[in-house]
Amino acid sequence: MLVGLTGRNASGKTTVVSWFSSKGVRAASCSDSIRSWLTEQGIPESRDSLIEGGRELRRKGGAGILAEMLLDALDGEDAVIDSIRTPGEVEVLRNRSDFILIEIKAGVDSRWSRSQSRGRTGDPSKKETFLAQEKSEEVALDEAGQALNATAEMADLVILNNGGLEELYSDLDELWIRLTKPV
């Protein structure tokens, strides 16, 4: 099983990854490939350096390079992958027959509230900045950029996450049954 997650900032992807991890599924992220590269380059990790590092890797290796690097590291293992942000990554991951892409979707007010509550480094303190960052990630200006809109359009399933954790976990329990049911 290879589950990929895409979605806007603070939509609940990290919570979904944690839920899958509690089921024994390995957690991975396309950002892991960027983090490794940043470390090799001696560049401190930040939201901006992750974004620019991803762009640089895509410029050098093509739109699917982060997914290619991740698939090599997974070596066929079951996993849930966070931070899928380009159609090129989805296309590479679809090389595995057990891949499914899920968009985690939540309204802007829910996401803004979650962003403020979690206090993650790099999260903006002003809603205008939050919205501007999101806008810059929607449509890629070139093959190296993030393209959240086009990536979301490729999703096999959408999980709406505007409620609380109980509702999300209930939806995930139903999904788990579908994913693990013998064919």
N, C-alpha and C. Protein backbone atom coordinates (compact mmCIF):
# COMPACT_ATOMS: atom_id res chain seq x y z
N MET A 1 0.84 -1.18 0.00
CA MET A 1 0.00 0.00 0.00
C MET A 1 0.89 1.24 0.00
N LEU A 2 0.62 2.11 -0.94
CA LEU A 2 1.33 3.38 -1.01
C LEU A 2 0.28 4.48 -1.11
N VAL A 3 0.11 5.21 -0.02
CA VAL A 3 -0.89 6.26 0.06
C VAL A 3 -0.18 7.61 -0.02
N GLY A 4 -0.59 8.43 -0.96
CA GLY A 4 -0.03 9.76 -1.10
C GLY A 4 -1.03 10.80 -0.66
N LEU A 5 -0.55 11.84 -0.02
CA LEU A 5 -1.42 12.92 0.46
C LEU A 5 -1.03 14.23 -0.19
N THR A 6 -2.04 14.96 -0.61
CA THR A 6 -1.86 16.31 -1.09
C THR A 6 -2.92 17.17 -0.43
N GLY A 7 -2.68 18.46 -0.41
CA GLY A 7 -3.65 19.37 0.20
C GLY A 7 -2.97 20.67 0.60
N ARG A 8 -3.79 21.61 0.93
CA ARG A 8 -3.31 22.95 1.31
C ARG A 8 -2.66 22.93 2.69
N ASN A 9 -1.94 23.99 2.97
CA ASN A 9 -1.30 24.15 4.26
C ASN A 9 -2.33 24.07 5.39
N ALA A 10 -2.03 23.26 6.41
CA ALA A 10 -2.86 23.09 7.62
C ALA A 10 -4.21 22.42 7.34
N SER A 11 -4.28 21.64 6.26
CA SER A 11 -5.54 20.93 5.96
C SER A 11 -5.71 19.68 6.81
N GLY A 12 -4.62 19.19 7.41
CA GLY A 12 -4.70 18.00 8.25
C GLY A 12 -3.85 16.84 7.77
N LYS A 13 -2.97 17.09 6.81
CA LYS A 13 -2.14 16.00 6.26
C LYS A 13 -1.28 15.34 7.32
N THR A 14 -0.67 16.13 8.19
CA THR A 14 0.20 15.57 9.23
C THR A 14 -0.60 14.69 10.18
N THR A 15 -1.82 15.08 10.49
CA THR A 15 -2.69 14.27 11.34
C THR A 15 -3.03 12.95 10.66
N VAL A 16 -3.28 13.00 9.37
CA VAL A 16 -3.57 11.77 8.61
C VAL A 16 -2.34 10.87 8.57
N VAL A 17 -1.17 11.44 8.38
CA VAL A 17 0.07 10.66 8.39
C VAL A 17 0.23 9.97 9.75
N SER A 18 -0.01 10.70 10.82
CA SER A 18 0.10 10.12 12.17
C SER A 18 -0.88 8.98 12.36
N TRP A 19 -2.08 9.14 11.84
CA TRP A 19 -3.09 8.07 11.95
C TRP A 19 -2.61 6.81 11.23
N PHE A 20 -2.12 6.97 10.00
CA PHE A 20 -1.60 5.81 9.26
C PHE A 20 -0.41 5.19 9.99
N SER A 21 0.45 6.02 10.56
CA SER A 21 1.60 5.51 11.32
C SER A 21 1.14 4.66 12.50
N SER A 22 0.03 5.06 13.13
CA SER A 22 -0.49 4.28 14.26
C SER A 22 -0.96 2.90 13.81
N LYS A 23 -1.19 2.73 12.53
CA LYS A 23 -1.58 1.43 11.96
C LYS A 23 -0.36 0.63 11.51
N GLY A 24 0.83 1.19 11.72
CA GLY A 24 2.06 0.48 11.37
C GLY A 24 2.58 0.80 9.98
N VAL A 25 2.01 1.79 9.32
CA VAL A 25 2.44 2.18 7.98
C VAL A 25 3.57 3.21 8.12
N ARG A 26 4.64 3.02 7.37
CA ARG A 26 5.78 3.94 7.41
C ARG A 26 5.36 5.31 6.90
N ALA A 27 5.80 6.34 7.59
CA ALA A 27 5.54 7.72 7.18
C ALA A 27 6.74 8.25 6.40
N ALA A 28 6.46 8.90 5.28
CA ALA A 28 7.51 9.49 4.47
C ALA A 28 6.96 10.78 3.86
N SER A 29 7.85 11.57 3.31
CA SER A 29 7.45 12.84 2.72
C SER A 29 8.34 13.16 1.54
N CYS A 30 7.75 13.75 0.51
CA CYS A 30 8.59 14.22 -0.59
C CYS A 30 9.58 15.25 -0.07
N SER A 31 9.23 15.92 1.00
CA SER A 31 10.15 16.89 1.60
C SER A 31 11.37 16.20 2.21
N ASP A 32 11.29 14.89 2.52
CA ASP A 32 12.46 14.18 3.04
C ASP A 32 13.61 14.24 2.05
N SER A 33 13.28 14.13 0.76
CA SER A 33 14.31 14.21 -0.28
C SER A 33 14.96 15.60 -0.28
N ILE A 34 14.14 16.62 -0.08
CA ILE A 34 14.67 17.99 -0.05
C ILE A 34 15.54 18.18 1.19
N ARG A 35 15.07 17.68 2.33
CA ARG A 35 15.83 17.81 3.58
C ARG A 35 17.23 17.18 3.43
N SER A 36 17.29 16.00 2.82
CA SER A 36 18.58 15.34 2.61
C SER A 36 19.49 16.21 1.75
N TRP A 37 18.94 16.78 0.69
CA TRP A 37 19.71 17.63 -0.20
C TRP A 37 20.19 18.89 0.53
N LEU A 38 19.29 19.52 1.32
CA LEU A 38 19.67 20.71 2.08
C LEU A 38 20.83 20.40 3.02
N THR A 39 20.76 19.26 3.69
CA THR A 39 21.83 18.86 4.61
C THR A 39 23.14 18.70 3.86
N GLU A 40 23.08 18.03 2.70
CA GLU A 40 24.30 17.85 1.88
C GLU A 40 24.89 19.19 1.44
N GLN A 41 24.03 20.16 1.21
CA GLN A 41 24.48 21.48 0.75
C GLN A 41 24.87 22.40 1.90
N GLY A 42 24.59 21.97 3.15
CA GLY A 42 24.88 22.81 4.31
C GLY A 42 23.92 23.97 4.46
N ILE A 43 22.70 23.81 3.95
CA ILE A 43 21.69 24.87 4.01
C ILE A 43 20.74 24.59 5.16
N PRO A 44 20.55 25.56 6.08
CA PRO A 44 19.62 25.35 7.20
C PRO A 44 18.19 25.16 6.68
N GLU A 45 17.43 24.29 7.35
CA GLU A 45 16.06 24.02 6.95
C GLU A 45 15.12 25.12 7.42
N SER A 46 14.30 25.59 6.51
CA SER A 46 13.22 26.55 6.81
C SER A 46 12.15 26.32 5.75
N ARG A 47 11.00 26.89 5.94
CA ARG A 47 9.95 26.76 4.92
C ARG A 47 10.47 27.26 3.56
N ASP A 48 11.13 28.42 3.57
CA ASP A 48 11.64 28.99 2.32
C ASP A 48 12.71 28.11 1.69
N SER A 49 13.63 27.57 2.52
CA SER A 49 14.69 26.75 1.93
C SER A 49 14.14 25.42 1.41
N LEU A 50 13.10 24.89 2.05
CA LEU A 50 12.46 23.67 1.54
C LEU A 50 11.82 23.93 0.18
N ILE A 51 11.12 25.05 0.07
CA ILE A 51 10.47 25.39 -1.20
C ILE A 51 11.52 25.60 -2.30
N GLU A 52 12.54 26.40 -2.00
CA GLU A 52 13.56 26.67 -3.01
C GLU A 52 14.40 25.43 -3.31
N GLY A 53 14.67 24.61 -2.28
CA GLY A 53 15.39 23.36 -2.50
C GLY A 53 14.62 22.42 -3.41
N GLY A 54 13.30 22.34 -3.20
CA GLY A 54 12.46 21.52 -4.08
C GLY A 54 12.50 22.02 -5.51
N ARG A 55 12.44 23.33 -5.68
CA ARG A 55 12.51 23.91 -7.03
C ARG A 55 13.84 23.58 -7.69
N GLU A 56 14.92 23.71 -6.92
CA GLU A 56 16.26 23.45 -7.47
C GLU A 56 16.39 21.98 -7.89
N LEU A 57 15.94 21.07 -7.04
CA LEU A 57 16.00 19.64 -7.39
C LEU A 57 15.16 19.34 -8.62
N ARG A 58 13.97 19.96 -8.73
CA ARG A 58 13.12 19.74 -9.90
C ARG A 58 13.76 20.32 -11.16
N ARG A 59 14.41 21.49 -11.03
CA ARG A 59 15.10 22.07 -12.19
C ARG A 59 16.18 21.13 -12.69
N LYS A 60 16.92 20.51 -11.78
CA LYS A 60 18.02 19.62 -12.15
C LYS A 60 17.55 18.24 -12.59
N GLY A 61 16.53 17.69 -11.89
CA GLY A 61 16.16 16.29 -12.11
C GLY A 61 14.79 16.06 -12.72
N GLY A 62 14.04 17.12 -12.98
CA GLY A 62 12.71 16.97 -13.55
C GLY A 62 11.62 17.02 -12.49
N ALA A 63 10.39 17.15 -12.95
CA ALA A 63 9.25 17.39 -12.06
C ALA A 63 9.00 16.26 -11.07
N GLY A 64 9.39 15.04 -11.39
CA GLY A 64 9.13 13.90 -10.51
C GLY A 64 10.30 13.46 -9.67
N ILE A 65 11.37 14.23 -9.63
CA ILE A 65 12.61 13.79 -8.96
C ILE A 65 12.42 13.49 -7.48
N LEU A 66 11.62 14.28 -6.77
CA LEU A 66 11.44 14.05 -5.34
C LEU A 66 10.78 12.70 -5.10
N ALA A 67 9.80 12.36 -5.92
CA ALA A 67 9.13 11.07 -5.79
C ALA A 67 10.06 9.93 -6.18
N GLU A 68 10.88 10.15 -7.21
CA GLU A 68 11.85 9.11 -7.60
C GLU A 68 12.80 8.81 -6.46
N MET A 69 13.31 9.85 -5.82
CA MET A 69 14.23 9.69 -4.69
C MET A 69 13.53 8.95 -3.55
N LEU A 70 12.29 9.29 -3.31
CA LEU A 70 11.53 8.67 -2.22
C LEU A 70 11.24 7.20 -2.51
N LEU A 71 10.84 6.89 -3.73
CA LEU A 71 10.57 5.49 -4.09
C LEU A 71 11.83 4.63 -3.92
N ASP A 72 12.98 5.17 -4.29
CA ASP A 72 14.24 4.44 -4.09
C ASP A 72 14.44 4.14 -2.61
N ALA A 73 14.18 5.13 -1.76
CA ALA A 73 14.37 4.95 -0.32
C ALA A 73 13.36 3.95 0.26
N LEU A 74 12.13 3.94 -0.26
CA LEU A 74 11.10 3.03 0.26
C LEU A 74 11.33 1.59 -0.16
N ASP A 75 11.89 1.37 -1.33
CA ASP A 75 12.23 0.04 -1.82
C ASP A 75 11.04 -0.93 -1.70
N GLY A 76 9.84 -0.48 -2.14
CA GLY A 76 8.67 -1.34 -2.17
C GLY A 76 7.88 -1.42 -0.88
N GLU A 77 8.37 -0.79 0.17
CA GLU A 77 7.72 -0.83 1.48
C GLU A 77 6.38 -0.08 1.45
N ASP A 78 5.41 -0.54 2.27
CA ASP A 78 4.16 0.19 2.46
C ASP A 78 4.48 1.53 3.12
N ALA A 79 3.78 2.58 2.69
CA ALA A 79 4.06 3.90 3.26
C ALA A 79 2.89 4.85 3.01
N VAL A 80 2.84 5.89 3.80
CA VAL A 80 1.98 7.03 3.56
C VAL A 80 2.92 8.21 3.32
N ILE A 81 2.70 8.92 2.22
CA ILE A 81 3.60 9.99 1.79
C ILE A 81 2.90 11.34 1.89
N ASP A 82 3.51 12.23 2.62
CA ASP A 82 3.01 13.59 2.78
C ASP A 82 3.71 14.51 1.77
N SER A 83 3.12 15.66 1.55
CA SER A 83 3.75 16.74 0.77
C SER A 83 3.90 16.45 -0.72
N ILE A 84 2.93 15.83 -1.32
CA ILE A 84 2.95 15.66 -2.78
C ILE A 84 2.38 16.95 -3.37
N ARG A 85 3.21 17.64 -4.14
CA ARG A 85 2.84 18.99 -4.56
C ARG A 85 2.90 19.25 -6.05
N THR A 86 3.25 18.21 -6.84
CA THR A 86 3.30 18.41 -8.29
C THR A 86 2.74 17.20 -9.03
N PRO A 87 2.14 17.42 -10.20
CA PRO A 87 1.68 16.30 -11.02
C PRO A 87 2.81 15.35 -11.40
N GLY A 88 4.02 15.87 -11.59
CA GLY A 88 5.16 15.01 -11.92
C GLY A 88 5.44 13.99 -10.82
N GLU A 89 5.28 14.40 -9.57
CA GLU A 89 5.46 13.48 -8.45
C GLU A 89 4.38 12.39 -8.48
N VAL A 90 3.15 12.79 -8.76
CA VAL A 90 2.05 11.82 -8.83
C VAL A 90 2.32 10.81 -9.95
N GLU A 91 2.75 11.30 -11.10
CA GLU A 91 3.01 10.39 -12.23
C GLU A 91 4.07 9.36 -11.88
N VAL A 92 5.13 9.78 -11.20
CA VAL A 92 6.17 8.84 -10.79
C VAL A 92 5.62 7.83 -9.79
N LEU A 93 4.87 8.30 -8.80
CA LEU A 93 4.33 7.41 -7.78
C LEU A 93 3.32 6.42 -8.36
N ARG A 94 2.64 6.81 -9.43
CA ARG A 94 1.67 5.90 -10.08
C ARG A 94 2.38 4.71 -10.74
N ASN A 95 3.70 4.73 -10.81
CA ASN A 95 4.43 3.56 -11.30
C ASN A 95 4.25 2.36 -10.37
N ARG A 96 3.90 2.64 -9.13
CA ARG A 96 3.56 1.55 -8.21
C ARG A 96 2.07 1.31 -8.33
N SER A 97 1.70 0.07 -8.60
CA SER A 97 0.30 -0.28 -8.84
C SER A 97 -0.58 -0.10 -7.61
N ASP A 98 0.03 -0.04 -6.42
CA ASP A 98 -0.74 0.09 -5.19
C ASP A 98 -0.84 1.54 -4.70
N PHE A 99 -0.50 2.50 -5.57
CA PHE A 99 -0.53 3.91 -5.18
C PHE A 99 -1.94 4.48 -5.28
N ILE A 100 -2.30 5.25 -4.25
CA ILE A 100 -3.56 5.99 -4.26
C ILE A 100 -3.26 7.40 -3.74
N LEU A 101 -3.78 8.41 -4.45
CA LEU A 101 -3.58 9.80 -4.05
C LEU A 101 -4.85 10.32 -3.39
N ILE A 102 -4.69 10.88 -2.19
CA ILE A 102 -5.82 11.43 -1.44
C ILE A 102 -5.58 12.91 -1.21
N GLU A 103 -6.57 13.71 -1.56
CA GLU A 103 -6.51 15.13 -1.23
C GLU A 103 -7.19 15.33 0.12
N ILE A 104 -6.48 15.97 1.04
CA ILE A 104 -7.07 16.36 2.31
C ILE A 104 -7.51 17.81 2.13
N LYS A 105 -8.80 18.02 2.28
CA LYS A 105 -9.39 19.32 1.95
C LYS A 105 -10.07 19.91 3.18
N ALA A 106 -9.81 21.19 3.43
CA ALA A 106 -10.46 21.90 4.53
C ALA A 106 -10.61 23.36 4.12
N GLY A 107 -11.61 24.01 4.67
CA GLY A 107 -11.87 25.41 4.36
C GLY A 107 -10.77 26.32 4.90
N VAL A 108 -10.68 27.49 4.34
CA VAL A 108 -9.62 28.43 4.70
C VAL A 108 -9.68 28.82 6.18
N ASP A 109 -10.86 29.01 6.73
CA ASP A 109 -10.96 29.42 8.14
C ASP A 109 -10.47 28.31 9.07
N SER A 110 -10.84 27.07 8.75
CA SER A 110 -10.36 25.93 9.55
C SER A 110 -8.84 25.84 9.47
N ARG A 111 -8.31 25.98 8.26
CA ARG A 111 -6.86 25.86 8.08
C ARG A 111 -6.11 26.99 8.76
N TRP A 112 -6.63 28.20 8.66
CA TRP A 112 -5.99 29.34 9.31
C TRP A 112 -5.96 29.12 10.83
N SER A 113 -7.07 28.68 11.39
CA SER A 113 -7.15 28.42 12.83
C SER A 113 -6.15 27.34 13.25
N ARG A 114 -6.07 26.26 12.47
CA ARG A 114 -5.12 25.19 12.78
C ARG A 114 -3.68 25.68 12.68
N SER A 115 -3.41 26.49 11.68
CA SER A 115 -2.08 27.03 11.49
C SER A 115 -1.65 27.84 12.71
N GLN A 116 -2.57 28.63 13.23
CA GLN A 116 -2.25 29.45 14.40
C GLN A 116 -2.11 28.61 15.66
N SER A 117 -2.91 27.56 15.78
CA SER A 117 -2.88 26.70 16.97
C SER A 117 -1.62 25.86 17.06
N ARG A 118 -1.13 25.39 15.92
CA ARG A 118 0.00 24.47 15.97
C ARG A 118 1.34 25.18 16.19
N GLY A 119 1.43 26.44 15.81
CA GLY A 119 2.64 27.21 16.06
C GLY A 119 3.89 26.63 15.42
N ARG A 120 3.76 26.06 14.23
CA ARG A 120 4.90 25.46 13.54
C ARG A 120 5.82 26.55 13.00
N THR A 121 7.12 26.32 13.10
CA THR A 121 8.10 27.26 12.57
C THR A 121 7.82 27.51 11.09
N GLY A 122 7.79 28.77 10.72
CA GLY A 122 7.52 29.13 9.32
C GLY A 122 6.06 29.43 9.03
N ASP A 123 5.16 29.08 9.96
CA ASP A 123 3.75 29.43 9.75
C ASP A 123 3.59 30.93 9.95
N PRO A 124 2.89 31.59 9.04
CA PRO A 124 2.74 33.04 9.14
C PRO A 124 1.86 33.46 10.31
N SER A 125 2.12 34.64 10.83
CA SER A 125 1.32 35.16 11.94
C SER A 125 0.17 36.04 11.44
N LYS A 126 0.17 36.37 10.15
CA LYS A 126 -0.90 37.20 9.58
C LYS A 126 -1.65 36.39 8.53
N LYS A 127 -2.97 36.49 8.56
CA LYS A 127 -3.79 35.74 7.61
C LYS A 127 -3.48 36.12 6.17
N GLU A 128 -3.18 37.39 5.92
CA GLU A 128 -2.87 37.84 4.56
C GLU A 128 -1.63 37.11 4.03
N THR A 129 -0.65 36.90 4.87
CA THR A 129 0.57 36.19 4.48
C THR A 129 0.26 34.72 4.22
N PHE A 130 -0.55 34.13 5.09
CA PHE A 130 -1.00 32.75 4.94
C PHE A 130 -1.65 32.56 3.57
N LEU A 131 -2.56 33.47 3.22
CA LEU A 131 -3.27 33.38 1.94
C LEU A 131 -2.34 33.64 0.76
N ALA A 132 -1.40 34.55 0.91
CA ALA A 132 -0.45 34.84 -0.17
C ALA A 132 0.47 33.64 -0.42
N GLN A 133 0.94 32.99 0.66
CA GLN A 133 1.77 31.79 0.49
C GLN A 133 0.99 30.71 -0.25
N GLU A 134 -0.26 30.54 0.16
CA GLU A 134 -1.10 29.53 -0.48
C GLU A 134 -1.29 29.83 -1.96
N LYS A 135 -1.54 31.07 -2.28
CA LYS A 135 -1.74 31.48 -3.67
C LYS A 135 -0.50 31.16 -4.51
N SER A 136 0.68 31.38 -3.94
CA SER A 136 1.92 31.14 -4.68
C SER A 136 2.18 29.65 -4.94
N GLU A 137 1.50 28.77 -4.20
CA GLU A 137 1.69 27.33 -4.35
C GLU A 137 0.62 26.68 -5.24
N GLU A 138 -0.39 27.44 -5.65
CA GLU A 138 -1.51 26.87 -6.40
C GLU A 138 -1.14 26.45 -7.82
N VAL A 139 -0.47 27.32 -8.54
CA VAL A 139 -0.16 27.08 -9.95
C VAL A 139 1.33 27.30 -10.17
N ALA A 140 1.98 26.32 -10.76
CA ALA A 140 3.42 26.42 -11.00
C ALA A 140 3.70 27.38 -12.15
N LEU A 141 4.70 28.22 -11.95
CA LEU A 141 5.13 29.13 -13.02
C LEU A 141 6.00 28.40 -14.03
N ASP A 142 6.61 27.28 -13.58
CA ASP A 142 7.41 26.43 -14.46
C ASP A 142 7.39 25.02 -13.87
N GLU A 143 8.08 24.07 -14.50
CA GLU A 143 8.06 22.68 -14.03
C GLU A 143 8.68 22.51 -12.66
N ALA A 144 9.45 23.46 -12.20
CA ALA A 144 10.13 23.36 -10.92
C ALA A 144 9.26 23.78 -9.74
N GLY A 145 8.16 24.47 -10.02
CA GLY A 145 7.33 25.02 -8.95
C GLY A 145 6.27 24.07 -8.45
N GLN A 146 5.67 24.46 -7.33
CA GLN A 146 4.57 23.69 -6.76
C GLN A 146 3.30 23.97 -7.56
N ALA A 147 2.45 22.95 -7.66
CA ALA A 147 1.22 23.07 -8.44
C ALA A 147 0.10 22.35 -7.70
N LEU A 148 -0.32 22.92 -6.57
CA LEU A 148 -1.31 22.25 -5.74
C LEU A 148 -2.65 22.04 -6.44
N ASN A 149 -3.09 22.99 -7.25
CA ASN A 149 -4.37 22.82 -7.95
C ASN A 149 -4.34 21.62 -8.89
N ALA A 150 -3.33 21.56 -9.73
CA ALA A 150 -3.22 20.46 -10.70
C ALA A 150 -3.01 19.13 -10.00
N THR A 151 -2.27 19.13 -8.91
CA THR A 151 -2.04 17.90 -8.16
C THR A 151 -3.34 17.41 -7.53
N ALA A 152 -4.11 18.32 -6.94
CA ALA A 152 -5.39 17.95 -6.33
C ALA A 152 -6.35 17.36 -7.36
N GLU A 153 -6.30 17.86 -8.59
CA GLU A 153 -7.17 17.34 -9.64
C GLU A 153 -6.88 15.88 -9.96
N MET A 154 -5.70 15.40 -9.60
CA MET A 154 -5.30 14.02 -9.89
C MET A 154 -5.69 13.06 -8.77
N ALA A 155 -6.27 13.58 -7.68
CA ALA A 155 -6.60 12.76 -6.52
C ALA A 155 -7.62 11.67 -6.86
N ASP A 156 -7.39 10.49 -6.29
CA ASP A 156 -8.33 9.38 -6.42
C ASP A 156 -9.47 9.51 -5.43
N LEU A 157 -9.20 10.13 -4.29
CA LEU A 157 -10.19 10.34 -3.23
C LEU A 157 -9.98 11.71 -2.61
N VAL A 158 -11.05 12.24 -2.03
CA VAL A 158 -10.96 13.49 -1.29
C VAL A 158 -11.54 13.24 0.10
N ILE A 159 -10.80 13.66 1.12
CA ILE A 159 -11.31 13.61 2.49
C ILE A 159 -11.54 15.05 2.92
N LEU A 160 -12.79 15.35 3.27
CA LEU A 160 -13.12 16.68 3.76
C LEU A 160 -12.83 16.72 5.26
N ASN A 161 -12.03 17.69 5.67
CA ASN A 161 -11.58 17.76 7.06
C ASN A 161 -11.92 19.11 7.67
N ASN A 162 -13.22 19.42 7.72
CA ASN A 162 -13.66 20.66 8.34
C ASN A 162 -14.16 20.46 9.76
N GLY A 163 -14.31 19.19 10.17
CA GLY A 163 -14.82 18.89 11.51
C GLY A 163 -13.68 18.65 12.49
N GLY A 164 -14.01 17.89 13.52
CA GLY A 164 -13.02 17.58 14.55
C GLY A 164 -12.29 16.28 14.26
N LEU A 165 -11.43 15.91 15.20
CA LEU A 165 -10.62 14.70 15.04
C LEU A 165 -11.47 13.43 14.97
N GLU A 166 -12.53 13.37 15.77
CA GLU A 166 -13.39 12.17 15.76
C GLU A 166 -13.95 11.91 14.37
N GLU A 167 -14.41 12.95 13.73
CA GLU A 167 -14.98 12.81 12.38
C GLU A 167 -13.91 12.37 11.38
N LEU A 168 -12.73 12.99 11.47
CA LEU A 168 -11.63 12.62 10.58
C LEU A 168 -11.24 11.16 10.81
N TYR A 169 -11.08 10.77 12.07
CA TYR A 169 -10.68 9.39 12.37
C TYR A 169 -11.73 8.39 11.90
N SER A 170 -12.99 8.74 12.00
CA SER A 170 -14.06 7.87 11.50
C SER A 170 -13.93 7.67 9.99
N ASP A 171 -13.69 8.77 9.27
CA ASP A 171 -13.50 8.68 7.81
C ASP A 171 -12.28 7.82 7.48
N LEU A 172 -11.21 7.97 8.26
CA LEU A 172 -10.00 7.19 8.02
C LEU A 172 -10.21 5.71 8.34
N ASP A 173 -10.99 5.42 9.38
CA ASP A 173 -11.31 4.02 9.70
C ASP A 173 -12.04 3.36 8.52
N GLU A 174 -12.99 4.07 7.93
CA GLU A 174 -13.71 3.54 6.76
C GLU A 174 -12.77 3.35 5.58
N LEU A 175 -11.87 4.30 5.36
CA LEU A 175 -10.89 4.19 4.28
C LEU A 175 -9.97 3.00 4.51
N TRP A 176 -9.52 2.79 5.73
CA TRP A 176 -8.63 1.68 6.07
C TRP A 176 -9.27 0.34 5.68
N ILE A 177 -10.53 0.21 5.98
CA ILE A 177 -11.24 -1.03 5.63
C ILE A 177 -11.22 -1.24 4.13
N ARG A 178 -11.47 -0.16 3.38
CA ARG A 178 -11.43 -0.26 1.90
C ARG A 178 -10.05 -0.59 1.38
N LEU A 179 -9.02 0.00 1.97
CA LEU A 179 -7.66 -0.20 1.50
C LEU A 179 -7.09 -1.57 1.85
N THR A 180 -7.53 -2.13 2.94
CA THR A 180 -6.94 -3.40 3.40
C THR A 180 -7.83 -4.61 3.12
N LYS A 181 -9.02 -4.37 2.56
CA LYS A 181 -9.92 -5.46 2.24
C LYS A 181 -9.33 -6.30 1.10
N PRO A 182 -9.28 -7.62 1.28
CA PRO A 182 -8.76 -8.47 0.20
C PRO A 182 -9.58 -8.29 -1.09
N VAL A 183 -8.91 -8.31 -2.20
CA VAL A 183 -9.58 -8.11 -3.49
C VAL A 183 -10.22 -9.39 -3.96
